[in-house]
C-alpha atoms as a PDB file:
ATOM      1  CA  UNK A   1      14.022 -28.464 -20.716  1.00  0.00           C
ATOM      2  CA  UNK A   2      10.846 -27.366 -18.503  1.00  0.00           C
ATOM      3  CA  UNK A   3      13.371 -26.449 -15.254  1.00  0.00           C
ATOM      4  CA  UNK A   4      15.339 -24.318 -17.960  1.00  0.00           C
ATOM      5  CA  UNK A   5      11.982 -22.527 -19.074  1.00  0.00           C
ATOM      6  CA  UNK A   6      10.844 -21.816 -15.261  1.00  0.00           C
ATOM      7  CA  UNK A   7      14.475 -20.601 -14.543  1.00  0.00           C
ATOM      8  CA  UNK A   8      14.299 -18.253 -17.495  1.00  0.00           C
ATOM      9  CA  UNK A   9      10.661 -17.355 -16.538  1.00  0.00           C
ATOM     10  CA  UNK A  10      11.833 -16.438 -12.929  1.00  0.00           C
ATOM     11  CA  UNK A  11      14.702 -14.408 -14.232  1.00  0.00           C
ATOM     12  CA  UNK A  12      12.254 -12.135 -16.605  1.00  0.00           C
ATOM     13  CA  UNK A  13      10.258 -11.937 -13.474  1.00  0.00           C
ATOM     14  CA  UNK A  14      12.949 -10.628 -11.431  1.00  0.00           C
ATOM     15  CA  UNK A  15      14.249  -8.350 -13.926  1.00  0.00           C
ATOM     16  CA  UNK A  16      10.779  -6.891 -14.406  1.00  0.00           C
ATOM     17  CA  UNK A  17      10.442  -6.341 -10.639  1.00  0.00           C
ATOM     18  CA  UNK A  18      13.884  -4.598 -10.578  1.00  0.00           C
ATOM     19  CA  UNK A  19      12.635  -2.078 -13.106  1.00  0.00           C
ATOM     20  CA  UNK A  20       9.660  -1.557 -11.619  1.00  0.00           C
ATOM     21  CA  UNK A  21      11.125  -0.928  -8.174  1.00  0.00           C
ATOM     22  CA  UNK A  22      13.778   1.266  -9.623  1.00  0.00           C
ATOM     23  CA  UNK A  23      11.311   3.375 -11.285  1.00  0.00           C
ATOM     24  CA  UNK A  24       8.992   3.925  -7.963  1.00  0.00           C
ATOM     25  CA  UNK A  25      12.225   4.565  -6.014  1.00  0.00           C
ATOM     26  CA  UNK A  26      13.501   6.986  -8.559  1.00  0.00           C
ATOM     27  CA  UNK A  27      10.091   9.052  -8.270  1.00  0.00           C
ATOM     28  CA  UNK A  28      11.168   9.896  -4.548  1.00  0.00           C
ATOM     29  CA  UNK A  29      14.851   9.989  -5.171  1.00  0.00           C
ATOM     30  CA  UNK A  30      14.956  14.036  -5.338  1.00  0.00           C
ATOM     31  CA  UNK A  31      18.857  14.188  -5.134  1.00  0.00           C
ATOM     32  CA  UNK A  32      19.508  11.627  -7.598  1.00  0.00           C
ATOM     33  CA  UNK A  33      21.886   9.967  -5.449  1.00  0.00           C
ATOM     34  CA  UNK A  34      20.115   6.686  -4.925  1.00  0.00           C
ATOM     35  CA  UNK A  35      18.587   7.343  -1.517  1.00  0.00           C
ATOM     36  CA  UNK A  36      14.812   8.258  -0.570  1.00  0.00           C
ATOM     37  CA  UNK A  37      13.665   9.870   2.833  1.00  0.00           C
ATOM     38  CA  UNK A  38      12.467   6.930   4.887  1.00  0.00           C
ATOM     39  CA  UNK A  39       9.193   8.631   5.268  1.00  0.00           C
ATOM     40  CA  UNK A  40       8.397   7.858   1.566  1.00  0.00           C
ATOM     41  CA  UNK A  41       8.997   4.222   1.641  1.00  0.00           C
ATOM     42  CA  UNK A  42       5.372   3.172   2.689  1.00  0.00           C
ATOM     43  CA  UNK A  43       4.448   5.324  -0.722  1.00  0.00           C
ATOM     44  CA  UNK A  44       6.914   3.413  -2.807  1.00  0.00           C
ATOM     45  CA  UNK A  45       6.081   0.075  -1.438  1.00  0.00           C
ATOM     46  CA  UNK A  46       2.083   0.936  -1.839  1.00  0.00           C
ATOM     47  CA  UNK A  47       2.800   2.132  -5.581  1.00  0.00           C
ATOM     48  CA  UNK A  48       3.983  -1.345  -6.418  1.00  0.00           C
ATOM     49  CA  UNK A  49       0.657  -2.833  -5.329  1.00  0.00           C
ATOM     50  CA  UNK A  50       1.555  -3.917  -1.765  1.00  0.00           C
ATOM     51  CA  UNK A  51      -0.699  -2.973   1.100  1.00  0.00           C
ATOM     52  CA  UNK A  52       1.356  -3.690   4.367  1.00  0.00           C
ATOM     53  CA  UNK A  53      -0.191  -2.678   7.632  1.00  0.00           C
ATOM     54  CA  UNK A  54       2.064   0.158   9.518  1.00  0.00           C
ATOM     55  CA  UNK A  55       3.602  -2.792  11.668  1.00  0.00           C
ATOM     56  CA  UNK A  56       4.616  -4.540   8.677  1.00  0.00           C
ATOM     57  CA  UNK A  57       5.940  -1.406   7.276  1.00  0.00           C
ATOM     58  CA  UNK A  58       8.026  -0.756  10.441  1.00  0.00           C
ATOM     59  CA  UNK A  59       9.631  -4.216  10.120  1.00  0.00           C
ATOM     60  CA  UNK A  60      10.320  -3.576   6.456  1.00  0.00           C
ATOM     61  CA  UNK A  61      11.893  -0.152   7.257  1.00  0.00           C
ATOM     62  CA  UNK A  62      14.042  -1.702   9.992  1.00  0.00           C
ATOM     63  CA  UNK A  63      15.356  -4.188   7.312  1.00  0.00           C
ATOM     64  CA  UNK A  64      16.487  -1.916   5.094  1.00  0.00           C
ATOM     65  CA  UNK A  65      17.636   0.770   7.386  1.00  0.00           C
ATOM     66  CA  UNK A  66      21.292   1.563   8.093  1.00  0.00           C
ATOM     67  CA  UNK A  67      22.707   0.141  11.352  1.00  0.00           C
ATOM     68  CA  UNK A  68      22.883   3.849  12.405  1.00  0.00           C
ATOM     69  CA  UNK A  69      19.368   5.399  10.720  1.00  0.00           C
ATOM     70  CA  UNK A  70      20.020   8.343   8.795  1.00  0.00           C
ATOM     71  CA  UNK A  71      16.674   9.083   7.844  1.00  0.00           C
ATOM     72  CA  UNK A  72      17.180   7.957   4.290  1.00  0.00           C
ATOM     73  CA  UNK A  73      17.030   4.235   2.699  1.00  0.00           C
ATOM     74  CA  UNK A  74      19.529   3.300   0.091  1.00  0.00           C
ATOM     75  CA  UNK A  75      18.358   1.771  -3.288  1.00  0.00           C
ATOM     76  CA  UNK A  76      21.015  -0.951  -3.137  1.00  0.00           C
ATOM     77  CA  UNK A  77      19.499  -2.193   0.633  1.00  0.00           C
ATOM     78  CA  UNK A  78      16.019  -1.658  -0.841  1.00  0.00           C
ATOM     79  CA  UNK A  79      16.024  -3.510  -4.028  1.00  0.00           C
ATOM     80  CA  UNK A  80      16.922  -7.020  -2.544  1.00  0.00           C
ATOM     81  CA  UNK A  81      14.166  -6.756   0.304  1.00  0.00           C
ATOM     82  CA  UNK A  82      11.313  -5.337  -2.116  1.00  0.00           C
ATOM     83  CA  UNK A  83      12.277  -7.864  -4.885  1.00  0.00           C
ATOM     84  CA  UNK A  84      11.882 -10.745  -2.040  1.00  0.00           C
ATOM     85  CA  UNK A  85       8.402  -9.306  -0.995  1.00  0.00           C
ATOM     86  CA  UNK A  86       7.165  -9.315  -4.748  1.00  0.00           C
ATOM     87  CA  UNK A  87       8.466 -12.655  -5.582  1.00  0.00           C
ATOM     88  CA  UNK A  88       6.683 -13.695  -2.218  1.00  0.00           C
ATOM     89  CA  UNK A  89       3.516 -11.752  -3.049  1.00  0.00           C
ATOM     90  CA  UNK A  90       3.604 -10.635   0.199  1.00  0.00           C
ATOM     91  CA  UNK A  91       1.262  -7.604   1.526  1.00  0.00           C
ATOM     92  CA  UNK A  92      -1.360  -8.637  -1.250  1.00  0.00           C
ATOM     93  CA  UNK A  93      -4.597  -6.392  -1.389  1.00  0.00           C
ATOM     94  CA  UNK A  94      -7.667  -7.439   0.235  1.00  0.00           C
ATOM     95  CA  UNK A  95     -10.107  -8.750  -2.459  1.00  0.00           C
ATOM     96  CA  UNK A  96     -13.186  -6.565  -3.459  1.00  0.00           C
ATOM     97  CA  UNK A  97     -15.660  -9.101  -2.052  1.00  0.00           C
ATOM     98  CA  UNK A  98     -14.194  -9.068   1.177  1.00  0.00           C
ATOM     99  CA  UNK A  99     -13.788  -5.469   1.725  1.00  0.00           C
ATOM    100  CA  UNK A 100     -17.558  -5.196   0.554  1.00  0.00           C
ATOM    101  CA  UNK A 101     -18.544  -7.573   3.342  1.00  0.00           C
ATOM    102  CA  UNK A 102     -16.484  -5.667   5.817  1.00  0.00           C
ATOM    103  CA  UNK A 103     -18.286  -2.354   4.951  1.00  0.00           C
ATOM    104  CA  UNK A 104     -21.606  -4.134   5.038  1.00  0.00           C
ATOM    105  CA  UNK A 105     -20.728  -5.339   8.773  1.00  0.00           C
ATOM    106  CA  UNK A 106     -20.079  -1.557   9.632  1.00  0.00           C
ATOM    107  CA  UNK A 107     -23.323  -0.393   7.468  1.00  0.00           C
ATOM    108  CA  UNK A 108     -25.780  -2.024  10.460  1.00  0.00           C
ATOM    109  CA  UNK A 109     -28.774  -0.107   8.713  1.00  0.00           C
ATOM    110  CA  UNK A 110     -27.933  -1.684   5.417  1.00  0.00           C
ATOM    111  CA  UNK A 111     -28.083   1.710   3.526  1.00  0.00           C
ATOM    112  CA  UNK A 112     -24.983   1.152   1.123  1.00  0.00           C
ATOM    113  CA  UNK A 113     -23.383   4.140   2.634  1.00  0.00           C
ATOM    114  CA  UNK A 114     -21.513   5.281   5.726  1.00  0.00           C
ATOM    115  CA  UNK A 115     -21.764   8.973   6.827  1.00  0.00           C
ATOM    116  CA  UNK A 116     -18.614  11.243   7.518  1.00  0.00           C
ATOM    117  CA  UNK A 117     -19.548  11.196  11.152  1.00  0.00           C
ATOM    118  CA  UNK A 118     -19.706   7.217  11.023  1.00  0.00           C
ATOM    119  CA  UNK A 119     -16.422   6.848   9.318  1.00  0.00           C
ATOM    120  CA  UNK A 120     -14.497   9.561  11.418  1.00  0.00           C
ATOM    121  CA  UNK A 121     -15.766   7.530  14.709  1.00  0.00           C
ATOM    122  CA  UNK A 122     -14.650   4.010  13.207  1.00  0.00           C
ATOM    123  CA  UNK A 123     -11.284   5.019  12.110  1.00  0.00           C
ATOM    124  CA  UNK A 124     -10.163   7.117  14.848  1.00  0.00           C
ATOM    125  CA  UNK A 125     -11.787   4.853  17.621  1.00  0.00           C
ATOM    126  CA  UNK A 126     -11.303   1.219  16.453  1.00  0.00           C
ATOM    127  CA  UNK A 127      -8.566  -1.040  15.292  1.00  0.00           C
ATOM    128  CA  UNK A 128      -5.215   0.610  14.356  1.00  0.00           C
ATOM    129  CA  UNK A 129      -6.378   4.583  14.462  1.00  0.00           C
ATOM    130  CA  UNK A 130      -6.045   6.711  11.768  1.00  0.00           C
ATOM    131  CA  UNK A 131      -3.988   9.958  12.479  1.00  0.00           C
ATOM    132  CA  UNK A 132      -5.505  13.238  11.763  1.00  0.00           C
ATOM    133  CA  UNK A 133      -3.503  13.749   8.293  1.00  0.00           C
ATOM    134  CA  UNK A 134      -4.787  10.248   7.162  1.00  0.00           C
ATOM    135  CA  UNK A 135      -8.267  10.869   8.386  1.00  0.00           C
ATOM    136  CA  UNK A 136      -8.312  13.761   6.297  1.00  0.00           C
ATOM    137  CA  UNK A 137      -6.635  12.109   3.021  1.00  0.00           C
ATOM    138  CA  UNK A 138      -9.151   9.428   3.033  1.00  0.00           C
ATOM    139  CA  UNK A 139     -12.142  11.853   3.759  1.00  0.00           C
ATOM    140  CA  UNK A 140     -11.281  14.049   0.696  1.00  0.00           C
ATOM    141  CA  UNK A 141     -10.980  10.884  -1.574  1.00  0.00           C
ATOM    142  CA  UNK A 142     -14.026   8.793  -0.216  1.00  0.00           C
ATOM    143  CA  UNK A 143     -16.534  11.217   0.922  1.00  0.00           C
ATOM    144  CA  UNK A 144     -19.207  12.685  -1.751  1.00  0.00           C
ATOM    145  CA  UNK A 145     -19.376  16.289  -0.980  1.00  0.00           C
ATOM    146  CA  UNK A 146     -23.150  16.511  -1.637  1.00  0.00           C
ATOM    147  CA  UNK A 147     -24.322  13.710   0.277  1.00  0.00           C
ATOM    148  CA  UNK A 148     -21.697  13.917   2.915  1.00  0.00           C
ATOM    149  CA  UNK A 149     -21.288  10.391   3.166  1.00  0.00           C
ATOM    150  CA  UNK A 150     -19.291   7.352   1.485  1.00  0.00           C
ATOM    151  CA  UNK A 151     -21.143   5.140  -0.968  1.00  0.00           C
ATOM    152  CA  UNK A 152     -18.795   2.158  -0.008  1.00  0.00           C
ATOM    153  CA  UNK A 153     -19.376   0.103  -3.129  1.00  0.00           C
ATOM    154  CA  UNK A 154     -18.187   3.264  -5.313  1.00  0.00           C
ATOM    155  CA  UNK A 155     -15.386   3.550  -2.940  1.00  0.00           C
ATOM    156  CA  UNK A 156     -14.068   0.065  -3.292  1.00  0.00           C
ATOM    157  CA  UNK A 157     -14.128   0.056  -6.894  1.00  0.00           C
ATOM    158  CA  UNK A 158     -12.118   2.999  -7.088  1.00  0.00           C
ATOM    159  CA  UNK A 159      -9.535   1.765  -4.496  1.00  0.00           C
ATOM    160  CA  UNK A 160      -9.045  -1.758  -5.665  1.00  0.00           C
ATOM    161  CA  UNK A 161      -5.768  -2.328  -7.731  1.00  0.00           C
ATOM    162  CA  UNK A 162      -6.604  -4.408 -10.646  1.00  0.00           C
ATOM    163  CA  UNK A 163      -3.875  -7.208 -10.800  1.00  0.00           C
ATOM    164  CA  UNK A 164      -4.401  -8.062 -14.647  1.00  0.00           C
END
């Protein structure tokens, strides 16, 4: 009996994931032909609450691309891969408290904010560097135009996805 209930629950979850994936995919299926530009895949995956690194995203794209890449991803190849990602809860967002501790490490003066210049330096010279476009996008969302700084507590609150 309990096993049957678990199976029903899993089927409901899979059906719900299929619906969410289809809705997200359709936003970028501009030709309504069950394909999207490969460059949109990261946006689609992130809209589903996943936060893969660039390397993980490239691996995922390689998994759903045709043998001879066309620049487009077909829904029928994307759906099973993305369903598996969601079922396995891969690429989960980093918890808020962990993000806060990371920003506090970067904020050596313990001011509660990072300046625009500090952010640009950190995001372009450390780790996996941001492209100019990514940098501008992040700064437009993160920097308070009046102070020319990022209050990272406010930024984290704005960026964290509520899973409930």
